Protein backbone atom coordinates (compact mmCIF):
# COMPACT_ATOMS: atom_id res chain seq x y z
CA MET A 1 0.18 -0.16 -0.02
CA LEU A 2 2.89 2.37 0.84
CA GLU A 3 4.62 1.66 -2.20
CA ALA A 4 1.81 2.43 -4.41
CA THR A 5 1.12 5.85 -2.83
CA LEU A 6 4.95 6.52 -3.23
CA ARG A 7 4.70 5.20 -6.70
CA GLU A 8 1.37 7.19 -7.56
CA ARG A 9 2.96 10.73 -5.81
CA ALA A 10 6.34 10.29 -7.78
CA LYS A 11 4.23 9.99 -11.02
CA ARG A 12 2.61 13.28 -9.95
CA LEU A 13 5.76 14.89 -9.14
CA LEU A 14 7.52 14.06 -12.67
CA THR A 15 4.21 14.87 -14.69
CA ALA A 16 5.67 17.18 -17.52
CA SER A 17 3.91 20.57 -17.74
CA GLY A 18 0.98 21.45 -20.14
CA ARG A 19 3.75 23.65 -22.04
CA SER A 20 6.05 21.17 -22.70
CA ASP A 21 3.67 19.48 -24.93
CA VAL A 22 5.01 21.02 -27.86
CA PRO A 23 5.54 18.66 -31.30
CA PRO A 24 8.77 17.30 -32.02
CA PHE A 25 10.74 19.22 -34.62
CA MET A 26 10.12 16.21 -37.43
CA VAL A 27 13.84 17.18 -39.20
CA MET A 28 15.81 16.26 -36.09
CA ASP A 29 13.64 12.53 -36.16
CA VAL A 30 14.33 12.30 -39.92
CA MET A 31 18.27 13.04 -39.12
CA ALA A 32 18.12 10.17 -36.20
CA ALA A 33 16.57 7.92 -38.80
CA ALA A 34 19.39 8.21 -41.24
CA ALA A 35 21.91 8.21 -38.88
CA ARG A 36 20.64 4.53 -38.21
CA ILE A 37 20.95 3.81 -41.71
CA GLU A 38 24.31 5.15 -41.93
CA ALA A 39 25.10 3.03 -38.90
CA ALA A 40 24.12 -0.16 -41.01
CA GLY A 41 26.38 0.90 -43.88
CA GLY A 42 24.17 2.82 -45.91
CA HIS A 43 24.82 6.27 -47.94
CA VAL A 44 22.41 8.53 -47.07
CA ILE A 45 22.31 11.80 -48.99
CA HIS A 46 21.05 14.32 -46.69
CA MET A 47 18.70 16.86 -47.73
CA GLU A 48 17.03 17.22 -44.37
CA VAL A 49 18.33 19.98 -42.33
CA GLY A 50 19.18 23.08 -42.85
CA GLN A 51 22.73 22.69 -42.38
CA PRO A 52 25.44 24.29 -44.29
CA TRP A 53 27.93 21.48 -45.48
CA ALA A 54 31.03 23.96 -45.13
CA PRO A 55 32.85 24.58 -42.19
CA ALA A 56 33.08 28.38 -40.65
CA PRO A 57 35.25 30.87 -42.12
CA LYS A 58 38.90 30.00 -41.54
CA THR A 59 39.07 33.32 -40.15
CA ALA A 60 36.48 32.56 -37.24
CA ILE A 61 38.16 29.20 -36.55
CA SER A 62 41.76 31.21 -36.22
CA ALA A 63 40.31 33.80 -33.80
CA ALA A 64 38.93 30.82 -31.62
CA HIS A 65 42.06 28.77 -31.40
CA ALA A 66 44.24 32.32 -30.42
CA ALA A 67 41.52 33.05 -27.64
CA LEU A 68 42.13 29.48 -26.45
CA ASP A 69 45.58 29.76 -26.21
CA VAL A 70 44.86 32.52 -23.62
CA GLY A 71 43.53 29.91 -21.88
CA ARG A 72 41.00 32.22 -20.03
CA ILE A 73 37.18 32.56 -21.41
CA ASP A 74 34.93 34.80 -19.11
CA TYR A 75 31.65 36.13 -19.23
CA THR A 76 30.82 38.82 -21.31
CA SER A 77 27.87 41.63 -21.20
CA ALA A 78 24.54 40.41 -21.39
CA LEU A 79 24.26 42.21 -24.15
CA GLY A 80 27.50 40.70 -26.09
CA VAL A 81 30.89 41.34 -26.32
CA PRO A 82 31.05 45.47 -27.40
CA SER A 83 33.48 44.75 -29.99
CA LEU A 84 30.88 42.15 -32.00
CA ARG A 85 27.95 44.43 -31.19
CA GLU A 86 30.14 47.44 -33.13
CA ARG A 87 31.17 45.02 -36.18
CA ILE A 88 27.65 43.80 -36.43
CA ALA A 89 26.31 47.59 -36.54
CA ARG A 90 28.59 48.15 -39.39
CA HIS A 91 27.37 45.38 -41.37
CA TYR A 92 24.15 46.83 -41.91
CA ARG A 93 25.97 49.77 -43.17
CA ASP A 94 28.23 47.36 -45.62
CA ALA A 95 25.39 45.27 -46.67
CA TYR A 96 22.45 47.51 -47.27
CA GLY A 97 23.68 50.90 -46.77
CA PHE A 98 21.99 51.54 -43.44
CA GLY A 99 23.07 52.56 -40.11
CA VAL A 100 21.83 50.92 -36.97
CA ASP A 101 22.89 52.41 -33.49
CA THR A 102 25.25 49.53 -31.67
CA ASP A 103 23.47 50.03 -29.05
CA ARG A 104 20.39 48.56 -30.36
CA ILE A 105 22.49 45.13 -30.70
CA VAL A 106 21.92 42.38 -28.92
CA VAL A 107 24.00 39.01 -29.37
CA THR A 108 22.06 35.96 -28.59
CA THR A 109 22.67 32.59 -28.46
CA GLY A 110 21.91 31.63 -32.07
CA SER A 111 18.35 32.71 -33.64
CA SER A 112 16.56 30.62 -31.08
CA GLY A 113 17.51 32.43 -28.05
CA ALA A 114 16.83 35.30 -30.10
CA PHE A 115 13.25 34.55 -30.65
CA ILE A 116 12.96 33.19 -27.01
CA LEU A 117 13.89 36.79 -25.67
CA GLY A 118 12.30 38.63 -28.26
CA PHE A 119 8.69 36.60 -27.42
CA LEU A 120 8.95 37.30 -23.83
CA ALA A 121 10.03 40.89 -24.32
CA LEU A 122 7.09 41.87 -26.87
CA PHE A 123 4.31 39.48 -25.71
CA GLU A 124 1.93 38.42 -22.42
CA PRO A 125 0.46 34.61 -22.20
CA GLY A 126 -2.66 34.52 -24.01
CA ASP A 127 -1.38 36.83 -27.02
CA ARG A 128 -2.00 35.91 -30.52
CA VAL A 129 0.83 36.03 -32.67
CA ALA A 130 0.49 35.69 -36.62
CA VAL A 131 2.81 33.11 -38.44
CA THR A 132 2.31 31.89 -41.89
CA VAL A 133 2.22 28.58 -43.26
CA PRO A 134 4.39 26.62 -44.58
CA GLY A 135 6.99 27.73 -42.29
CA TYR A 136 9.46 27.13 -39.59
CA PRO A 137 7.81 24.95 -37.07
CA PRO A 138 9.83 26.15 -33.83
CA TYR A 139 8.12 29.74 -34.23
CA ARG A 140 4.67 27.76 -33.24
CA HIS A 141 6.22 25.45 -30.87
CA ILE A 142 8.12 28.38 -28.62
CA LEU A 143 5.07 30.53 -29.02
CA THR A 144 2.94 27.86 -27.45
CA ALA A 145 5.72 26.80 -24.81
CA LEU A 146 5.72 30.57 -23.55
CA GLY A 147 1.92 30.86 -23.40
CA CYS A 148 1.25 32.27 -26.73
CA GLU A 149 -1.31 31.47 -29.15
CA PRO A 150 0.36 31.06 -33.04
CA VAL A 151 -2.38 32.15 -35.55
CA LEU A 152 -1.67 30.18 -38.62
CA ILE A 153 -2.13 32.41 -41.86
CA GLU A 154 -2.06 30.02 -45.10
CA THR A 155 -0.31 31.45 -47.89
CA SER A 156 -0.49 31.13 -51.59
CA SER A 157 0.82 30.95 -54.89
CA GLU A 158 -0.88 34.18 -56.22
CA ASN A 159 0.96 36.15 -53.57
CA ARG A 160 4.47 33.74 -53.87
CA HIS A 161 3.90 32.42 -50.78
CA ALA A 162 4.52 35.85 -49.03
CA LEU A 163 2.23 37.24 -46.35
CA THR A 164 0.51 40.48 -47.83
CA GLY A 165 -0.86 43.30 -45.64
CA GLU A 166 -4.59 42.45 -46.68
CA ALA A 167 -4.39 38.88 -45.59
CA LEU A 168 -3.01 39.96 -41.87
CA LEU A 169 -5.67 42.49 -41.68
CA ALA A 170 -8.24 40.28 -42.30
CA VAL A 171 -7.53 38.09 -39.79
CA HIS A 172 -6.63 40.73 -37.18
CA ARG A 173 -10.21 41.94 -37.65
CA LYS A 174 -11.59 38.71 -36.50
CA THR A 175 -10.14 38.27 -33.82
CA PRO A 176 -6.79 41.06 -32.65
CA LEU A 177 -3.40 40.16 -33.21
CA LYS A 178 -0.53 41.32 -31.27
CA GLY A 179 2.50 40.16 -33.22
CA VAL A 180 2.95 38.85 -36.42
CA LEU A 181 6.41 37.24 -37.08
CA VAL A 182 7.84 36.94 -41.10
CA GLY A 183 10.93 35.28 -42.95
CA SER A 184 12.44 36.43 -45.91
CA PRO A 185 14.36 34.78 -47.48
CA ALA A 186 11.78 31.97 -45.96
CA ASN A 187 12.24 28.36 -44.51
CA PRO A 188 11.01 26.04 -46.13
CA THR A 189 10.02 27.60 -49.21
CA GLY A 190 12.73 30.17 -50.19
CA THR A 191 10.33 32.77 -50.68
CA MET A 192 11.51 36.39 -50.56
CA MET A 193 9.89 39.92 -50.23
CA SER A 194 10.70 42.80 -52.46
CA LYS A 195 11.33 46.04 -50.81
CA GLU A 196 7.83 47.38 -51.72
CA ALA A 197 5.89 44.37 -50.62
CA LEU A 198 7.80 44.29 -47.29
CA THR A 199 6.95 48.02 -46.62
CA SER A 200 3.37 47.35 -47.40
CA LEU A 201 3.08 44.68 -45.04
CA ILE A 202 5.08 46.32 -41.98
CA ALA A 203 3.11 49.66 -42.64
CA ALA A 204 -0.17 47.26 -42.35
CA ALA A 205 0.86 45.47 -39.53
CA GLU A 206 2.07 48.57 -37.35
CA GLY A 207 -1.23 50.70 -38.38
CA ALA A 208 -3.07 48.18 -36.92
CA GLY A 209 -1.24 48.23 -33.48
CA ILE A 210 0.57 44.45 -34.69
CA ARG A 211 3.94 44.13 -33.46
CA PHE A 212 6.49 43.24 -36.28
CA ILE A 213 9.22 40.77 -35.93
CA SER A 214 11.60 40.00 -39.05
CA ASP A 215 13.38 36.88 -39.26
CA GLU A 216 16.66 37.56 -41.47
CA ILE A 217 18.85 34.89 -40.77
CA TYR A 218 19.03 33.48 -44.35
CA HIS A 219 20.03 37.06 -45.41
CA GLY A 220 23.14 36.66 -47.48
CA LEU A 221 21.86 33.81 -49.49
CA ASP A 222 19.86 35.39 -51.78
CA TYR A 223 19.29 34.74 -55.72
CA ALA A 224 16.60 36.69 -57.38
CA PHE A 225 17.33 39.88 -55.87
CA PRO A 226 18.93 41.32 -52.69
CA ALA A 227 17.35 41.19 -49.78
CA VAL A 228 15.96 43.77 -47.77
CA THR A 229 16.06 44.64 -44.10
CA ALA A 230 12.98 45.27 -42.08
CA ALA A 231 15.29 47.62 -39.92
CA GLU A 232 15.66 50.00 -42.86
CA LEU A 233 11.81 50.02 -42.99
CA SER A 234 10.75 50.75 -39.41
CA ALA A 235 12.66 51.43 -36.11
CA ASN A 236 9.70 49.62 -34.03
CA ALA A 237 10.67 46.15 -35.88
CA LEU A 238 12.61 43.54 -33.73
CA ILE A 239 15.11 42.16 -36.27
CA ILE A 240 16.64 38.37 -35.71
CA ASN A 241 19.87 36.99 -37.45
CA SER A 242 22.02 34.67 -37.19
CA PHE A 243 25.77 33.05 -38.00
CA SER A 244 24.31 30.08 -38.69
CA LYS A 245 22.98 29.65 -42.07
CA TYR A 246 25.13 32.07 -44.24
CA PHE A 247 28.55 32.35 -41.99
CA CYS A 248 28.26 28.27 -41.99
CA MET A 249 28.09 28.72 -37.86
CA THR A 250 25.15 26.52 -36.93
CA GLY A 251 26.78 24.68 -34.02
CA TRP A 252 28.84 27.75 -33.00
CA ARG A 253 25.09 28.92 -31.30
CA VAL A 254 25.77 32.70 -31.94
CA GLY A 255 22.90 34.94 -33.56
CA TRP A 256 22.00 38.58 -32.87
CA MET A 257 18.87 40.95 -33.03
CA VAL A 258 18.37 44.55 -33.68
CA VAL A 259 16.11 46.07 -30.97
CA PRO A 260 13.83 48.74 -31.11
CA GLU A 261 15.25 50.96 -28.23
CA PRO A 262 12.47 50.50 -25.46
CA LEU A 263 13.07 46.73 -25.71
CA VAL A 264 17.05 47.12 -25.28
CA ARG A 265 16.86 47.06 -21.29
CA PRO A 266 13.73 44.50 -21.09
CA ILE A 267 15.77 41.66 -23.12
CA GLU A 268 18.90 43.14 -21.44
CA ARG A 269 17.56 41.83 -17.91
CA LEU A 270 16.22 38.66 -19.62
CA GLN A 271 19.42 37.61 -20.86
CA GLN A 272 20.87 38.22 -17.63
CA ASN A 273 18.55 35.56 -16.11
CA LEU A 274 18.34 33.52 -18.79
CA ALA A 275 21.96 32.85 -19.84
CA ILE A 276 24.13 35.44 -18.09
CA SER A 277 25.73 35.85 -21.47
CA VAL A 278 26.28 34.12 -24.95
CA PRO A 279 29.31 31.97 -25.14
CA THR A 280 32.61 33.90 -25.18
CA LEU A 281 34.66 31.72 -27.56
CA SER A 282 31.47 32.15 -30.20
CA GLN A 283 31.46 35.60 -30.08
CA ILE A 284 34.81 35.82 -30.83
CA ALA A 285 34.88 33.69 -33.79
CA ALA A 286 31.81 35.44 -35.19
CA GLU A 287 33.46 38.86 -35.16
CA ALA A 288 36.45 37.28 -37.07
CA ALA A 289 33.73 35.43 -39.42
CA PHE A 290 33.06 39.08 -40.79
CA GLU A 291 36.57 39.12 -42.55
CA GLY A 292 35.52 35.55 -44.09
CA ARG A 293 33.50 37.10 -46.84
CA SER A 294 35.08 35.70 -49.84
CA GLU A 295 34.64 32.19 -48.57
CA MET A 296 31.40 32.25 -47.75
CA GLU A 297 30.28 33.97 -50.96
CA ALA A 298 31.91 30.97 -52.98
CA VAL A 299 29.85 28.87 -50.56
CA LYS A 300 26.98 30.79 -51.69
CA HIS A 301 28.28 30.28 -55.37
CA GLY A 302 27.93 26.02 -54.61
CA TYR A 303 24.38 27.12 -52.97
CA GLN A 304 23.44 28.33 -56.36
CA GLU A 305 24.62 25.87 -58.49
CA ASN A 306 23.05 23.28 -56.41
CA ARG A 307 19.20 24.86 -56.78
CA ARG A 308 20.12 24.96 -60.69
CA ILE A 309 20.67 20.79 -60.39
CA LEU A 310 17.63 20.52 -58.88
CA ILE A 311 15.35 22.80 -60.30
CA GLU A 312 16.53 21.30 -63.94
CA GLY A 313 16.56 17.57 -62.44
CA LEU A 314 13.89 16.74 -60.27
CA PRO A 315 11.25 17.26 -63.07
CA ARG A 316 12.85 13.94 -64.52
CA SER A 317 11.69 12.18 -61.52
CA GLY A 318 8.23 13.34 -62.01
CA LEU A 319 8.46 16.78 -59.12
CA THR A 320 7.18 18.88 -61.48
CA LYS A 321 5.84 21.92 -59.01
CA PHE A 322 8.38 23.96 -56.52
CA LEU A 323 7.40 26.59 -54.51
CA PRO A 324 9.78 30.13 -54.93
CA ALA A 325 13.20 29.24 -54.15
CA ASP A 326 14.24 33.32 -54.25
CA GLY A 327 16.52 32.69 -51.50
CA ALA A 328 18.04 30.41 -48.39
CA PHE A 329 19.00 26.70 -49.65
CA TYR A 330 15.73 25.15 -49.47
CA LEU A 331 13.19 23.83 -52.41
CA TYR A 332 9.60 22.89 -51.17
CA ALA A 333 8.38 20.49 -53.68
CA ASP A 334 4.53 19.20 -54.60
CA VAL A 335 4.78 15.34 -54.26
CA SER A 336 0.74 15.28 -54.45
CA ALA A 337 0.94 13.16 -57.35
CA PHE A 338 2.84 10.13 -55.48
CA THR A 339 0.99 10.59 -52.05
CA SER A 340 -1.16 12.27 -49.76
CA ASP A 341 1.08 11.95 -47.15
CA SER A 342 4.15 13.22 -47.16
CA PHE A 343 5.52 11.92 -43.66
CA GLU A 344 5.12 8.14 -45.27
CA PHE A 345 6.20 9.36 -48.63
CA ALA A 346 9.72 11.02 -46.64
CA LYS A 347 9.90 7.39 -44.94
CA LYS A 348 10.32 5.35 -47.78
CA MET A 349 12.40 7.70 -49.76
CA LEU A 350 14.78 7.27 -46.75
CA ASP A 351 14.25 3.83 -46.44
CA GLU A 352 14.30 2.66 -50.14
CA ALA A 353 16.06 5.74 -51.85
CA HIS A 354 18.52 6.75 -49.04
CA VAL A 355 17.28 10.16 -49.69
CA ALA A 356 16.76 12.12 -46.80
CA ALA A 357 14.53 15.07 -46.67
CA THR A 358 11.65 16.52 -44.55
CA PRO A 359 7.81 15.92 -44.78
CA GLY A 360 6.03 19.06 -45.02
CA ILE A 361 3.66 18.49 -42.38
CA ASP A 362 6.54 19.48 -40.26
CA PHE A 363 6.38 23.18 -41.80
CA ASP A 364 2.26 23.16 -42.45
CA PRO A 365 -0.20 21.02 -40.36
CA ILE A 366 -2.87 22.56 -43.17
CA HIS A 367 -1.52 21.43 -46.50
CA GLY A 368 1.76 20.18 -45.47
CA HIS A 369 0.71 16.41 -46.46
CA GLN A 370 1.28 17.17 -50.03
CA PHE A 371 4.91 18.81 -50.22
CA ILE A 372 8.52 17.49 -49.37
CA ARG A 373 11.58 20.04 -48.37
CA PHE A 374 14.76 19.36 -50.18
CA SER A 375 17.54 21.03 -48.52
CA TYR A 376 20.49 21.82 -50.90
CA ALA A 377 22.81 23.02 -48.48
CA ARG A 378 25.35 20.11 -49.38
CA SER A 379 27.92 19.29 -52.35
CA ALA A 380 26.94 19.24 -56.04
CA ASP A 381 28.08 15.57 -56.33
CA ASP A 382 25.31 15.07 -53.62
CA MET A 383 22.54 17.21 -55.44
CA ARG A 384 23.47 15.09 -58.57
CA GLU A 385 23.47 11.89 -56.78
CA ALA A 386 20.07 12.94 -54.99
CA VAL A 387 18.20 13.49 -58.65
CA ALA A 388 19.77 10.25 -60.30
CA ARG A 389 18.21 8.58 -57.28
CA LEU A 390 14.81 9.79 -56.76
CA ALA A 391 14.23 9.52 -60.51
CA ARG A 392 15.40 5.56 -60.29
CA TRP A 393 13.15 5.39 -57.48
CA LEU A 394 10.13 7.28 -58.86
CA GLY A 395 10.58 5.98 -62.42
């Protein structure tokens, strides 16, 4: 009797909170399944994860080595190493011809840390925040874990799968929104917004009192036209960026925000308490990464070639419909001619063709069963082999 009581008490103590009940990030499950095939001797073409195949710039690695040779790696300011913040501010002048005050730069633990800090600073539990579908799953999941309500707005081919002010305000009129988050270039579609489209969307949001968050972590990886930063269009927008994608520094876990001036101190307080500071070694490497642009541009040219290989090659296997691939390193393909279940399709593709890709249901719970996301962030040889395998498998 006593033992049963103790077991029941332990069960109650160890029950996970409701806010932790978020869906898995499915791409990580695909990676795990691919690893099991490789452990058994199989050769998998990895197109599931949005991770550059290239290492960090040599300048970043050299700077990290030099810092380790000194031996002492201490805490930094909660807002980030001052010289890194200054270098990020200079990046806006160099890349966009637009000045950003260094005091508004906050260094974060990747873009993921930025989303958490930004959401906490902007929203209260219960607030409704719009995100587009298809879209990056952790947008929804982090908002849910923080007690906010993600509001899904479907995009369509008529607007190249980009959110418009009209669509945003139509949702807002039904039940008011407190915020909206938009990525350009977007994951998983690769869609980019022109300056005119982004200006119109921000004006619509701010005119209705909707706070605007711009995810710009794929900036630099733009092929159709140069990416536009929302920092240039509004001092009230919260900008999120990262060294993970263009600079090939995923595992270093370092990103940044451009923060509206009134939110700098609140975000600093949150960072002090939640993380103290971002890993110092990563910040040192990130500052030096800006001097490795020639390496990163060569990597970008490789992505452009990979994009060409897929756009030209996949139709030969019957995959003829893609969403816009203006930027980033993703191709979001319609597989409805072959399946109505993208999860099972992705599983069979991995098991039988040894090509790993992410089911669209991860990005879009409404129509994602019709789509697969292919990442083309690896080598051109991998892309050619993937095209050949898929042609054999689907042919």
